Amino acid sequence: MKTFRVLHKNSGKVLASKVGKADDTASRGKGLLGRDCLPADEGLWILQSSWARFVPCPTIHTFFMQFPIDVLFLTDDLEVDRVIENMPPWRLSPWVFRADSVLELKGGVLGGAVRAGDR
């Protein structure tokens, strides 16, 4: 799987150097399930496939997960709309109306450094 590097444009800090992309039904359905941890330099970018771009990604869940995650809800131009840090397992996120995609990172890696409005 091809991975991406995620840069917090406001600070210049690399948030994760190995981010996978989940953009089809199978990869979106699996997400981070089945993993017992997420290294600090890894993450998952969840978005719709190109044929379904009209369907946003406004909510996520952590059902069946074994670790907390930091979550960035991103607009279509990659602006941070909402940040949830250390979202524990067995939770459902709020509905984020402007979210087009979601970036999931290791819980605690953001450390308060990313806020709504950042890129």
PDB file of N, CA and C in Angstrom:
ATOM      1  N   MET A   1       0.842  -1.181   0.000  1.00  0.00           N
ATOM      2  CA  MET A   1       0.000   0.000   0.000  1.00  0.00           C
ATOM      3  C   MET A   1       0.888   1.245   0.000  1.00  0.00           C
ATOM      4  N   LYS A   2       0.529   2.195  -0.832  1.00  0.00           N
ATOM      5  CA  LYS A   2       1.240   3.471  -0.876  1.00  0.00           C
ATOM      6  C   LYS A   2       0.934   4.253   0.392  1.00  0.00           C
ATOM      7  N   THR A   3       1.940   4.886   0.962  1.00  0.00           N
ATOM      8  CA  THR A   3       1.723   5.699   2.156  1.00  0.00           C
ATOM      9  C   THR A   3       2.064   7.160   1.858  1.00  0.00           C
ATOM     10  N   PHE A   4       1.531   8.029   2.704  1.00  0.00           N
ATOM     11  CA  PHE A   4       1.712   9.464   2.569  1.00  0.00           C
ATOM     12  C   PHE A   4       2.320  10.027   3.843  1.00  0.00           C
ATOM     13  N   ARG A   5       2.912  11.186   3.718  1.00  0.00           N
ATOM     14  CA  ARG A   5       3.412  11.923   4.872  1.00  0.00           C
ATOM     15  C   ARG A   5       2.431  13.061   5.123  1.00  0.00           C
ATOM     16  N   VAL A   6       2.068  13.270   6.397  1.00  0.00           N
ATOM     17  CA  VAL A   6       1.121  14.318   6.746  1.00  0.00           C
ATOM     18  C   VAL A   6       1.868  15.443   7.453  1.00  0.00           C
ATOM     19  N   LEU A   7       1.769  16.621   6.869  1.00  0.00           N
ATOM     20  CA  LEU A   7       2.449  17.803   7.384  1.00  0.00           C
ATOM     21  C   LEU A   7       1.422  18.780   7.938  1.00  0.00           C
ATOM     22  N   HIS A   8       1.639  19.245   9.149  1.00  0.00           N
ATOM     23  CA  HIS A   8       0.806  20.301   9.736  1.00  0.00           C
ATOM     24  C   HIS A   8       1.345  21.613   9.182  1.00  0.00           C
ATOM     25  N   LYS A   9       0.651  22.145   8.208  1.00  0.00           N
ATOM     26  CA  LYS A   9       1.146  23.315   7.482  1.00  0.00           C
ATOM     27  C   LYS A   9       1.375  24.521   8.388  1.00  0.00           C
ATOM     28  N   ASN A  10       0.565  24.675   9.424  1.00  0.00           N
ATOM     29  CA  ASN A  10       0.690  25.837  10.303  1.00  0.00           C
ATOM     30  C   ASN A  10       2.002  25.849  11.072  1.00  0.00           C
ATOM     31  N   SER A  11       2.493  24.654  11.464  1.00  0.00           N
ATOM     32  CA  SER A  11       3.727  24.594  12.262  1.00  0.00           C
ATOM     33  C   SER A  11       4.913  24.032  11.483  1.00  0.00           C
ATOM     34  N   GLY A  12       4.648  23.363  10.367  1.00  0.00           N
ATOM     35  CA  GLY A  12       5.717  22.711   9.612  1.00  0.00           C
ATOM     36  C   GLY A  12       6.089  21.347  10.160  1.00  0.00           C
ATOM     37  N   LYS A  13       5.407  20.898  11.204  1.00  0.00           N
ATOM     38  CA  LYS A  13       5.714  19.617  11.845  1.00  0.00           C
ATOM     39  C   LYS A  13       5.070  18.457  11.079  1.00  0.00           C
ATOM     40  N   VAL A  14       5.832  17.369  10.915  1.00  0.00           N
ATOM     41  CA  VAL A  14       5.279  16.152  10.327  1.00  0.00           C
ATOM     42  C   VAL A  14       4.484  15.437  11.411  1.00  0.00           C
ATOM     43  N   LEU A  15       3.187  15.244  11.165  1.00  0.00           N
ATOM     44  CA  LEU A  15       2.328  14.565  12.137  1.00  0.00           C
ATOM     45  C   LEU A  15       2.466  13.060  12.053  1.00  0.00           C
ATOM     46  N   ALA A  16       2.686  12.539  10.852  1.00  0.00           N
ATOM     47  CA  ALA A  16       2.876  11.102  10.636  1.00  0.00           C
ATOM     48  C   ALA A  16       3.583  10.917   9.303  1.00  0.00           C
ATOM     49  N   SER A  17       4.515   9.972   9.254  1.00  0.00           N
ATOM     50  CA  SER A  17       5.282   9.762   8.023  1.00  0.00           C
ATOM     51  C   SER A  17       4.803   8.570   7.209  1.00  0.00           C
ATOM     52  N   LYS A  18       3.922   7.756   7.779  1.00  0.00           N
ATOM     53  CA  LYS A  18       3.410   6.574   7.075  1.00  0.00           C
ATOM     54  C   LYS A  18       1.891   6.509   7.222  1.00  0.00           C
ATOM     55  N   VAL A  19       1.194   7.249   6.382  1.00  0.00           N
ATOM     56  CA  VAL A  19      -0.271   7.294   6.453  1.00  0.00           C
ATOM     57  C   VAL A  19      -0.847   6.568   5.248  1.00  0.00           C
ATOM     58  N   GLY A  20      -1.636   5.544   5.531  1.00  0.00           N
ATOM     59  CA  GLY A  20      -2.312   4.815   4.473  1.00  0.00           C
ATOM     60  C   GLY A  20      -3.604   5.503   4.099  1.00  0.00           C
ATOM     61  N   LYS A  21      -4.119   5.158   2.925  1.00  0.00           N
ATOM     62  CA  LYS A  21      -5.347   5.767   2.425  1.00  0.00           C
ATOM     63  C   LYS A  21      -6.424   4.693   2.321  1.00  0.00           C
ATOM     64  N   ALA A  22      -7.569   4.955   2.916  1.00  0.00           N
ATOM     65  CA  ALA A  22      -8.726   4.063   2.833  1.00  0.00           C
ATOM     66  C   ALA A  22      -9.777   4.768   1.988  1.00  0.00           C
ATOM     67  N   ASP A  23      -9.884   4.354   0.718  1.00  0.00           N
ATOM     68  CA  ASP A  23     -10.786   5.059  -0.190  1.00  0.00           C
ATOM     69  C   ASP A  23     -11.684   4.126  -0.993  1.00  0.00           C
ATOM     70  N   ASP A  24     -11.816   2.888  -0.550  1.00  0.00           N
ATOM     71  CA  ASP A  24     -12.774   1.983  -1.178  1.00  0.00           C
ATOM     72  C   ASP A  24     -13.558   1.274  -0.077  1.00  0.00           C
ATOM     73  N   THR A  25     -14.592   0.565  -0.459  1.00  0.00           N
ATOM     74  CA  THR A  25     -15.477  -0.053   0.527  1.00  0.00           C
ATOM     75  C   THR A  25     -14.728  -0.981   1.478  1.00  0.00           C
ATOM     76  N   ALA A  26     -13.854  -1.814   0.949  1.00  0.00           N
ATOM     77  CA  ALA A  26     -13.131  -2.774   1.788  1.00  0.00           C
ATOM     78  C   ALA A  26     -12.189  -2.084   2.776  1.00  0.00           C
ATOM     79  N   SER A  27     -11.375  -1.160   2.288  1.00  0.00           N
ATOM     80  CA  SER A  27     -10.405  -0.502   3.174  1.00  0.00           C
ATOM     81  C   SER A  27     -11.092   0.426   4.175  1.00  0.00           C
ATOM     82  N   ARG A  28     -12.183   1.067   3.768  1.00  0.00           N
ATOM     83  CA  ARG A  28     -12.931   1.924   4.697  1.00  0.00           C
ATOM     84  C   ARG A  28     -13.608   1.073   5.764  1.00  0.00           C
ATOM     85  N   GLY A  29     -14.137  -0.085   5.372  1.00  0.00           N
ATOM     86  CA  GLY A  29     -14.799  -0.969   6.331  1.00  0.00           C
ATOM     87  C   GLY A  29     -13.833  -1.529   7.357  1.00  0.00           C
ATOM     88  N   LYS A  30     -12.613  -1.834   6.934  1.00  0.00           N
ATOM     89  CA  LYS A  30     -11.613  -2.386   7.846  1.00  0.00           C
ATOM     90  C   LYS A  30     -11.006  -1.301   8.730  1.00  0.00           C
ATOM     91  N   GLY A  31     -10.672  -0.162   8.125  1.00  0.00           N
ATOM     92  CA  GLY A  31     -10.064   0.925   8.894  1.00  0.00           C
ATOM     93  C   GLY A  31      -8.870   0.440   9.698  1.00  0.00           C
ATOM     94  N   LEU A  32      -8.863   0.731  10.989  1.00  0.00           N
ATOM     95  CA  LEU A  32      -7.778   0.297  11.881  1.00  0.00           C
ATOM     96  C   LEU A  32      -8.151  -0.962  12.669  1.00  0.00           C
ATOM     97  N   LEU A  33      -9.282  -1.570  12.343  1.00  0.00           N
ATOM     98  CA  LEU A  33      -9.717  -2.769  13.059  1.00  0.00           C
ATOM     99  C   LEU A  33      -8.715  -3.907  12.865  1.00  0.00           C
ATOM    100  N   GLY A  34      -8.571  -4.713  13.891  1.00  0.00           N
ATOM    101  CA  GLY A  34      -7.668  -5.855  13.832  1.00  0.00           C
ATOM    102  C   GLY A  34      -6.251  -5.537  14.270  1.00  0.00           C
ATOM    103  N   ARG A  35      -5.969  -4.287  14.536  1.00  0.00           N
ATOM    104  CA  ARG A  35      -4.636  -3.895  15.005  1.00  0.00           C
ATOM    105  C   ARG A  35      -4.676  -3.751  16.517  1.00  0.00           C
ATOM    106  N   ASP A  36      -3.588  -4.097  17.173  1.00  0.00           N
ATOM    107  CA  ASP A  36      -3.554  -3.939  18.625  1.00  0.00           C
ATOM    108  C   ASP A  36      -2.868  -2.655  19.058  1.00  0.00           C
ATOM    109  N   CYS A  37      -2.280  -1.934  18.091  1.00  0.00           N
ATOM    110  CA  CYS A  37      -1.668  -0.633  18.387  1.00  0.00           C
ATOM    111  C   CYS A  37      -1.466   0.121  17.080  1.00  0.00           C
ATOM    112  N   LEU A  38      -1.109   1.379  17.202  1.00  0.00           N
ATOM    113  CA  LEU A  38      -0.788   2.214  16.058  1.00  0.00           C
ATOM    114  C   LEU A  38       0.483   2.979  16.410  1.00  0.00           C
ATOM    115  N   PRO A  39       1.583   2.725  15.697  1.00  0.00           N
ATOM    116  CA  PRO A  39       2.814   3.462  15.985  1.00  0.00           C
ATOM    117  C   PRO A  39       2.623   4.972  15.805  1.00  0.00           C
ATOM    118  N   ALA A  40       3.429   5.749  16.497  1.00  0.00           N
ATOM    119  CA  ALA A  40       3.282   7.213  16.488  1.00  0.00           C
ATOM    120  C   ALA A  40       3.487   7.824  15.107  1.00  0.00           C
ATOM    121  N   ASP A  41       4.216   7.158  14.224  1.00  0.00           N
ATOM    122  CA  ASP A  41       4.476   7.728  12.899  1.00  0.00           C
ATOM    123  C   ASP A  41       3.506   7.225  11.829  1.00  0.00           C
ATOM    124  N   GLU A  42       2.471   6.463  12.236  1.00  0.00           N
ATOM    125  CA  GLU A  42       1.514   5.918  11.273  1.00  0.00           C
ATOM    126  C   GLU A  42       0.128   6.512  11.462  1.00  0.00           C
ATOM    127  N   GLY A  43      -0.698   6.366  10.434  1.00  0.00           N
ATOM    128  CA  GLY A  43      -2.067   6.835  10.495  1.00  0.00           C
ATOM    129  C   GLY A  43      -2.876   6.292   9.344  1.00  0.00           C
ATOM    130  N   LEU A  44      -4.134   6.684   9.296  1.00  0.00           N
ATOM    131  CA  LEU A  44      -5.031   6.273   8.222  1.00  0.00           C
ATOM    132  C   LEU A  44      -5.870   7.463   7.803  1.00  0.00           C
ATOM    133  N   TRP A  45      -5.897   7.727   6.495  1.00  0.00           N
ATOM    134  CA  TRP A  45      -6.703   8.796   5.921  1.00  0.00           C
ATOM    135  C   TRP A  45      -7.917   8.146   5.277  1.00  0.00           C
ATOM    136  N   ILE A  46      -9.102   8.439   5.806  1.00  0.00           N
ATOM    137  CA  ILE A  46     -10.344   7.833   5.330  1.00  0.00           C
ATOM    138  C   ILE A  46     -11.081   8.842   4.460  1.00  0.00           C
ATOM    139  N   LEU A  47     -11.357   8.441   3.224  1.00  0.00           N
ATOM    140  CA  LEU A  47     -12.092   9.297   2.315  1.00  0.00           C
ATOM    141  C   LEU A  47     -12.908   8.445   1.352  1.00  0.00           C
ATOM    142  N   GLN A  48     -13.816   9.072   0.668  1.00  0.00           N
ATOM    143  CA  GLN A  48     -14.650   8.358  -0.292  1.00  0.00           C
ATOM    144  C   GLN A  48     -13.868   8.095  -1.568  1.00  0.00           C
ATOM    145  N   SER A  49     -14.272   7.074  -2.292  1.00  0.00           N
ATOM    146  CA  SER A  49     -13.661   6.811  -3.595  1.00  0.00           C
ATOM    147  C   SER A  49     -14.052   7.920  -4.564  1.00  0.00           C
ATOM    148  N   SER A  50     -13.304   8.060  -5.636  1.00  0.00           N
ATOM    149  CA  SER A  50     -13.548   9.146  -6.585  1.00  0.00           C
ATOM    150  C   SER A  50     -14.947   9.090  -7.194  1.00  0.00           C
ATOM    151  N   TRP A  51     -15.497   7.907  -7.353  1.00  0.00           N
ATOM    152  CA  TRP A  51     -16.838   7.790  -7.938  1.00  0.00           C
ATOM    153  C   TRP A  51     -17.932   8.167  -6.949  1.00  0.00           C
ATOM    154  N   ALA A  52     -17.591   8.320  -5.673  1.00  0.00           N
ATOM    155  CA  ALA A  52     -18.598   8.656  -4.654  1.00  0.00           C
ATOM    156  C   ALA A  52     -18.226   9.926  -3.897  1.00  0.00           C
ATOM    157  N   ARG A  53     -17.587  10.860  -4.564  1.00  0.00           N
ATOM    158  CA  ARG A  53     -17.116  12.081  -3.886  1.00  0.00           C
ATOM    159  C   ARG A  53     -18.255  12.913  -3.318  1.00  0.00           C
ATOM    160  N   PHE A  54     -19.465  12.743  -3.815  1.00  0.00           N
ATOM    161  CA  PHE A  54     -20.588  13.522  -3.300  1.00  0.00           C
ATOM    162  C   PHE A  54     -21.018  13.053  -1.914  1.00  0.00           C
ATOM    163  N   VAL A  55     -20.478  11.928  -1.455  1.00  0.00           N
ATOM    164  CA  VAL A  55     -20.822  11.405  -0.130  1.00  0.00           C
ATOM    165  C   VAL A  55     -19.679  11.751   0.824  1.00  0.00           C
ATOM    166  N   PRO A  56     -19.907  12.615   1.789  1.00  0.00           N
ATOM    167  CA  PRO A  56     -18.831  13.035   2.699  1.00  0.00           C
ATOM    168  C   PRO A  56     -18.501  11.960   3.740  1.00  0.00           C
ATOM    169  N   CYS A  57     -17.608  12.295   4.634  1.00  0.00           N
ATOM    170  CA  CYS A  57     -17.194  11.386   5.705  1.00  0.00           C
ATOM    171  C   CYS A  57     -17.383  12.125   7.031  1.00  0.00           C
ATOM    172  N   PRO A  58     -18.634  12.260   7.491  1.00  0.00           N
ATOM    173  CA  PRO A  58     -18.915  13.142   8.619  1.00  0.00           C
ATOM    174  C   PRO A  58     -18.807  12.522  10.009  1.00  0.00           C
ATOM    175  N   THR A  59     -18.615  11.209  10.113  1.00  0.00           N
ATOM    176  CA  THR A  59     -18.557  10.582  11.430  1.00  0.00           C
ATOM    177  C   THR A  59     -17.737   9.300  11.362  1.00  0.00           C
ATOM    178  N   ILE A  60     -17.166   8.911  12.495  1.00  0.00           N
ATOM    179  CA  ILE A  60     -16.432   7.646  12.591  1.00  0.00           C
ATOM    180  C   ILE A  60     -16.827   6.962  13.892  1.00  0.00           C
ATOM    181  N   HIS A  61     -16.390   5.719  14.033  1.00  0.00           N
ATOM    182  CA  HIS A  61     -16.583   5.001  15.289  1.00  0.00           C
ATOM    183  C   HIS A  61     -15.289   4.287  15.657  1.00  0.00           C
ATOM    184  N   THR A  62     -15.182   3.915  16.919  1.00  0.00           N
ATOM    185  CA  THR A  62     -14.030   3.130  17.380  1.00  0.00           C
ATOM    186  C   THR A  62     -14.497   1.809  17.988  1.00  0.00           C
ATOM    187  N   PHE A  63     -15.659   1.325  17.538  1.00  0.00           N
ATOM    188  CA  PHE A  63     -16.154   0.030  18.008  1.00  0.00           C
ATOM    189  C   PHE A  63     -15.144  -1.057  17.638  1.00  0.00           C
ATOM    190  N   PHE A  64     -14.889  -1.953  18.561  1.00  0.00           N
ATOM    191  CA  PHE A  64     -13.990  -3.102  18.389  1.00  0.00           C
ATOM    192  C   PHE A  64     -12.515  -2.721  18.319  1.00  0.00           C
ATOM    193  N   MET A  65     -12.177  -1.443  18.482  1.00  0.00           N
ATOM    194  CA  MET A  65     -10.767  -1.057  18.478  1.00  0.00           C
ATOM    195  C   MET A  65     -10.174  -1.299  19.865  1.00  0.00           C
ATOM    196  N   GLN A  66      -8.845  -1.393  19.920  1.00  0.00           N
ATOM    197  CA  GLN A  66      -8.168  -1.726  21.161  1.00  0.00           C
ATOM    198  C   GLN A  66      -7.316  -0.587  21.711  1.00  0.00           C
ATOM    199  N   PHE A  67      -7.393   0.583  21.099  1.00  0.00           N
ATOM    200  CA  PHE A  67      -6.543   1.700  21.523  1.00  0.00           C
ATOM    201  C   PHE A  67      -7.217   3.018  21.156  1.00  0.00           C
ATOM    202  N   PRO A  68      -6.871   4.100  21.855  1.00  0.00           N
ATOM    203  CA  PRO A  68      -7.435   5.419  21.520  1.00  0.00           C
ATOM    204  C   PRO A  68      -6.753   6.007  20.288  1.00  0.00           C
ATOM    205  N   ILE A  69      -7.455   6.909  19.618  1.00  0.00           N
ATOM    206  CA  ILE A  69      -6.899   7.574  18.436  1.00  0.00           C
ATOM    207  C   ILE A  69      -7.153   9.076  18.511  1.00  0.00           C
ATOM    208  N   ASP A  70      -6.284   9.831  17.844  1.00  0.00           N
ATOM    209  CA  ASP A  70      -6.510  11.247  17.611  1.00  0.00           C
ATOM    210  C   ASP A  70      -7.167  11.349  16.235  1.00  0.00           C
ATOM    211  N   VAL A  71      -8.171  12.199  16.112  1.00  0.00           N
ATOM    212  CA  VAL A  71      -8.966  12.269  14.890  1.00  0.00           C
ATOM    213  C   VAL A  71      -9.023  13.712  14.386  1.00  0.00           C
ATOM    214  N   LEU A  72      -8.747  13.885  13.100  1.00  0.00           N
ATOM    215  CA  LEU A  72      -8.883  15.178  12.441  1.00  0.00           C
ATOM    216  C   LEU A  72      -9.939  15.043  11.360  1.00  0.00           C
ATOM    217  N   PHE A  73     -11.022  15.802  11.478  1.00  0.00           N
ATOM    218  CA  PHE A  73     -12.045  15.857  10.442  1.00  0.00           C
ATOM    219  C   PHE A  73     -11.639  16.977   9.497  1.00  0.00           C
ATOM    220  N   LEU A  74     -11.495  16.656   8.214  1.00  0.00           N
ATOM    221  CA  LEU A  74     -10.966  17.589   7.224  1.00  0.00           C
ATOM    222  C   LEU A  74     -12.021  17.962   6.190  1.00  0.00           C
ATOM    223  N   THR A  75     -12.017  19.235   5.784  1.00  0.00           N
ATOM    224  CA  THR A  75     -12.898  19.683   4.711  1.00  0.00           C
ATOM    225  C   THR A  75     -12.297  19.245   3.377  1.00  0.00           C
ATOM    226  N   ASP A  76     -13.006  19.523   2.292  1.00  0.00           N
ATOM    227  CA  ASP A  76     -12.512  19.093   0.980  1.00  0.00           C
ATOM    228  C   ASP A  76     -11.221  19.795   0.570  1.00  0.00           C
ATOM    229  N   ASP A  77     -10.892  20.922   1.183  1.00  0.00           N
ATOM    230  CA  ASP A  77      -9.620  21.600   0.887  1.00  0.00           C
ATOM    231  C   ASP A  77      -8.584  21.356   1.999  1.00  0.00           C
ATOM    232  N   LEU A  78      -8.797  20.298   2.784  1.00  0.00           N
ATOM    233  CA  LEU A  78      -7.878  19.828   3.833  1.00  0.00           C
ATOM    234  C   LEU A  78      -7.695  20.791   5.000  1.00  0.00           C
ATOM    235  N   GLU A  79      -8.700  21.607   5.250  1.00  0.00           N
ATOM    236  CA  GLU A  79      -8.712  22.431   6.454  1.00  0.00           C
ATOM    237  C   GLU A  79      -9.282  21.594   7.593  1.00  0.00           C
ATOM    238  N   VAL A  80      -8.691  21.691   8.762  1.00  0.00           N
ATOM    239  CA  VAL A  80      -9.185  20.962   9.930  1.00  0.00           C
ATOM    240  C   VAL A  80     -10.488  21.608  10.390  1.00  0.00           C
ATOM    241  N   ASP A  81     -11.547  20.816  10.434  1.00  0.00           N
ATOM    242  CA  ASP A  81     -12.836  21.331  10.885  1.00  0.00           C
ATOM    243  C   ASP A  81     -13.079  20.993  12.352  1.00  0.00           C
ATOM    244  N   ARG A  82     -12.616  19.810  12.767  1.00  0.00           N
ATOM    245  CA  ARG A  82     -12.793  19.404  14.168  1.00  0.00           C
ATOM    246  C   ARG A  82     -11.660  18.469  14.556  1.00  0.00           C
ATOM    247  N   VAL A  83     -11.243  18.586  15.821  1.00  0.00           N
ATOM    248  CA  VAL A  83     -10.184  17.730  16.368  1.00  0.00           C
ATOM    249  C   VAL A  83     -10.755  16.974  17.560  1.00  0.00           C
ATOM    250  N   ILE A  84     -10.513  15.678  17.594  1.00  0.00           N
ATOM    251  CA  ILE A  84     -10.843  14.873  18.771  1.00  0.00           C
ATOM    252  C   ILE A  84      -9.560  14.148  19.175  1.00  0.00           C
ATOM    253  N   GLU A  85      -9.057  14.454  20.351  1.00  0.00           N
ATOM    254  CA  GLU A  85      -7.836  13.804  20.823  1.00  0.00           C
ATOM    255  C   GLU A  85      -8.176  12.665  21.775  1.00  0.00           C
ATOM    256  N   ASN A  86      -7.428  11.589  21.647  1.00  0.00           N
ATOM    257  CA  ASN A  86      -7.569  10.406  22.513  1.00  0.00           C
ATOM    258  C   ASN A  86      -8.995   9.862  22.566  1.00  0.00           C
ATOM    259  N   MET A  87      -9.594   9.718  21.401  1.00  0.00           N
ATOM    260  CA  MET A  87     -10.936   9.125  21.329  1.00  0.00           C
ATOM    261  C   MET A  87     -10.813   7.651  21.723  1.00  0.00           C
ATOM    262  N   PRO A  88     -11.449   7.248  22.815  1.00  0.00           N
ATOM    263  CA  PRO A  88     -11.284   5.877  23.311  1.00  0.00           C
ATOM    264  C   PRO A  88     -12.054   4.862  22.467  1.00  0.00           C
ATOM    265  N   PRO A  89     -11.716   3.578  22.626  1.00  0.00           N
ATOM    266  CA  PRO A  89     -12.486   2.531  21.956  1.00  0.00           C
ATOM    267  C   PRO A  89     -13.951   2.568  22.382  1.00  0.00           C
ATOM    268  N   TRP A  90     -14.792   2.026  21.508  1.00  0.00           N
ATOM    269  CA  TRP A  90     -16.227   1.885  21.752  1.00  0.00           C
ATOM    270  C   TRP A  90     -16.959   3.225  21.825  1.00  0.00           C
ATOM    271  N   ARG A  91     -16.553   4.154  20.970  1.00  0.00           N
ATOM    272  CA  ARG A  91     -17.217   5.458  20.914  1.00  0.00           C
ATOM    273  C   ARG A  91     -17.662   5.760  19.488  1.00  0.00           C
ATOM    274  N   LEU A  92     -18.619   6.657  19.374  1.00  0.00           N
ATOM    275  CA  LEU A  92     -19.087   7.177  18.097  1.00  0.00           C
ATOM    276  C   LEU A  92     -18.829   8.671  18.117  1.00  0.00           C
ATOM    277  N   SER A  93     -18.195   9.183  17.082  1.00  0.00           N
ATOM    278  CA  SER A  93     -17.885  10.616  17.050  1.00  0.00           C
ATOM    279  C   SER A  93     -19.153  11.422  16.779  1.00  0.00           C
ATOM    280  N   PRO A  94     -19.108  12.702  17.102  1.00  0.00           N
ATOM    281  CA  PRO A  94     -20.212  13.572  16.696  1.00  0.00           C
ATOM    282  C   PRO A  94     -20.238  13.662  15.161  1.00  0.00           C
ATOM    283  N   TRP A  95     -21.357  14.085  14.634  1.00  0.00           N
ATOM    284  CA  TRP A  95     -21.500  14.317  13.208  1.00  0.00           C
ATOM    285  C   TRP A  95     -20.818  15.645  12.899  1.00  0.00           C
ATOM    286  N   VAL A  96     -19.882  15.644  11.968  1.00  0.00           N
ATOM    287  CA  VAL A  96     -19.159  16.859  11.583  1.00  0.00           C
ATOM    288  C   VAL A  96     -19.587  17.188  10.148  1.00  0.00           C
ATOM    289  N   PHE A  97     -20.496  18.132  10.015  1.00  0.00           N
ATOM    290  CA  PHE A  97     -21.173  18.381   8.748  1.00  0.00           C
ATOM    291  C   PHE A  97     -20.242  18.753   7.602  1.00  0.00           C
ATOM    292  N   ARG A  98     -19.203  19.534   7.864  1.00  0.00           N
ATOM    293  CA  ARG A  98     -18.308  19.971   6.776  1.00  0.00           C
ATOM    294  C   ARG A  98     -17.219  18.968   6.448  1.00  0.00           C
ATOM    295  N   ALA A  99     -17.120  17.880   7.203  1.00  0.00           N
ATOM    296  CA  ALA A  99     -16.029  16.919   6.991  1.00  0.00           C
ATOM    297  C   ALA A  99     -16.188  16.174   5.675  1.00  0.00           C
ATOM    298  N   ASP A 100     -15.109  16.147   4.922  1.00  0.00           N
ATOM    299  CA  ASP A 100     -15.050  15.426   3.658  1.00  0.00           C
ATOM    300  C   ASP A 100     -14.203  14.162   3.801  1.00  0.00           C
ATOM    301  N   SER A 101     -13.243  14.197   4.720  1.00  0.00           N
ATOM    302  CA  SER A 101     -12.388  13.050   5.001  1.00  0.00           C
ATOM    303  C   SER A 101     -11.953  13.111   6.459  1.00  0.00           C
ATOM    304  N   VAL A 102     -11.349  12.013   6.921  1.00  0.00           N
ATOM    305  CA  VAL A 102     -10.932  11.914   8.320  1.00  0.00           C
ATOM    306  C   VAL A 102      -9.517  11.349   8.374  1.00  0.00           C
ATOM    307  N   LEU A 103      -8.686  11.941   9.226  1.00  0.00           N
ATOM    308  CA  LEU A 103      -7.345  11.438   9.453  1.00  0.00           C
ATOM    309  C   LEU A 103      -7.291  10.863  10.862  1.00  0.00           C
ATOM    310  N   GLU A 104      -6.915   9.586  10.973  1.00  0.00           N
ATOM    311  CA  GLU A 104      -6.804   8.917  12.275  1.00  0.00           C
ATOM    312  C   GLU A 104      -5.333   8.691  12.586  1.00  0.00           C
ATOM    313  N   LEU A 105      -4.916   9.109  13.771  1.00  0.00           N
ATOM    314  CA  LEU A 105      -3.531   9.005  14.217  1.00  0.00           C
ATOM    315  C   LEU A 105      -3.483   8.342  15.587  1.00  0.00           C
ATOM    316  N   LYS A 106      -2.297   7.973  16.007  1.00  0.00           N
ATOM    317  CA  LYS A 106      -2.125   7.388  17.346  1.00  0.00           C
ATOM    318  C   LYS A 106      -2.643   8.354  18.401  1.00  0.00           C
ATOM    319  N   GLY A 107      -3.372   7.844  19.361  1.00  0.00           N
ATOM    320  CA  GLY A 107      -3.892   8.670  20.440  1.00  0.00           C
ATOM    321  C   GLY A 107      -2.790   9.399  21.181  1.00  0.00           C
ATOM    322  N   GLY A 108      -2.936  10.703  21.347  1.00  0.00           N
ATOM    323  CA  GLY A 108      -1.968  11.512  22.085  1.00  0.00           C
ATOM    324  C   GLY A 108      -0.899  12.152  21.229  1.00  0.00           C
ATOM    325  N   VAL A 109      -0.785  11.765  19.964  1.00  0.00           N
ATOM    326  CA  VAL A 109       0.284  12.289  19.128  1.00  0.00           C
ATOM    327  C   VAL A 109       0.106  13.777  18.811  1.00  0.00           C
ATOM    328  N   LEU A 110      -1.116  14.261  18.778  1.00  0.00           N
ATOM    329  CA  LEU A 110      -1.349  15.672  18.475  1.00  0.00           C
ATOM    330  C   LEU A 110      -0.963  16.587  19.619  1.00  0.00           C
ATOM    331  N   GLY A 111      -1.195  16.176  20.837  1.00  0.00           N
ATOM    332  CA  GLY A 111      -0.787  16.950  22.006  1.00  0.00           C
ATOM    333  C   GLY A 111      -1.265  18.389  22.014  1.00  0.00           C
ATOM    334  N   GLY A 112      -2.465  18.649  21.497  1.00  0.00           N
ATOM    335  CA  GLY A 112      -3.003  20.003  21.506  1.00  0.00           C
ATOM    336  C   GLY A 112      -2.435  20.923  20.451  1.00  0.00           C
ATOM    337  N   ALA A 113      -1.595  20.409  19.545  1.00  0.00           N
ATOM    338  CA  ALA A 113      -0.899  21.250  18.568  1.00  0.00           C
ATOM    339  C   ALA A 113      -1.733  21.590  17.340  1.00  0.00           C
ATOM    340  N   VAL A 114      -2.837  20.877  17.112  1.00  0.00           N
ATOM    341  CA  VAL A 114      -3.648  21.114  15.917  1.00  0.00           C
ATOM    342  C   VAL A 114      -5.032  21.580  16.363  1.00  0.00           C
ATOM    343  N   ARG A 115      -5.524  22.611  15.684  1.00  0.00           N
ATOM    344  CA  ARG A 115      -6.831  23.185  16.033  1.00  0.00           C
ATOM    345  C   ARG A 115      -7.683  23.345  14.784  1.00  0.00           C
ATOM    346  N   ALA A 116      -8.974  23.499  14.978  1.00  0.00           N
ATOM    347  CA  ALA A 116      -9.879  23.783  13.863  1.00  0.00           C
ATOM    348  C   ALA A 116      -9.387  25.028  13.140  1.00  0.00           C
ATOM    349  N   GLY A 117      -9.421  24.984  11.806  1.00  0.00           N
ATOM    350  CA  GLY A 117      -8.936  26.087  10.989  1.00  0.00           C
ATOM    351  C   GLY A 117      -7.524  25.877  10.475  1.00  0.00           C
ATOM    352  N   ASP A 118      -6.779  24.985  11.106  1.00  0.00           N
ATOM    353  CA  ASP A 118      -5.413  24.684  10.643  1.00  0.00           C
ATOM    354  C   ASP A 118      -5.464  23.910   9.336  1.00  0.00           C
ATOM    355  N   ARG A 119      -4.333  23.830   8.695  1.00  0.00           N
ATOM    356  CA  ARG A 119      -4.179  23.023   7.462  1.00  0.00           C
ATOM    357  C   ARG A 119      -3.054  22.035   7.666  1.00  0.00           C
TER     358      ARG A 119
END
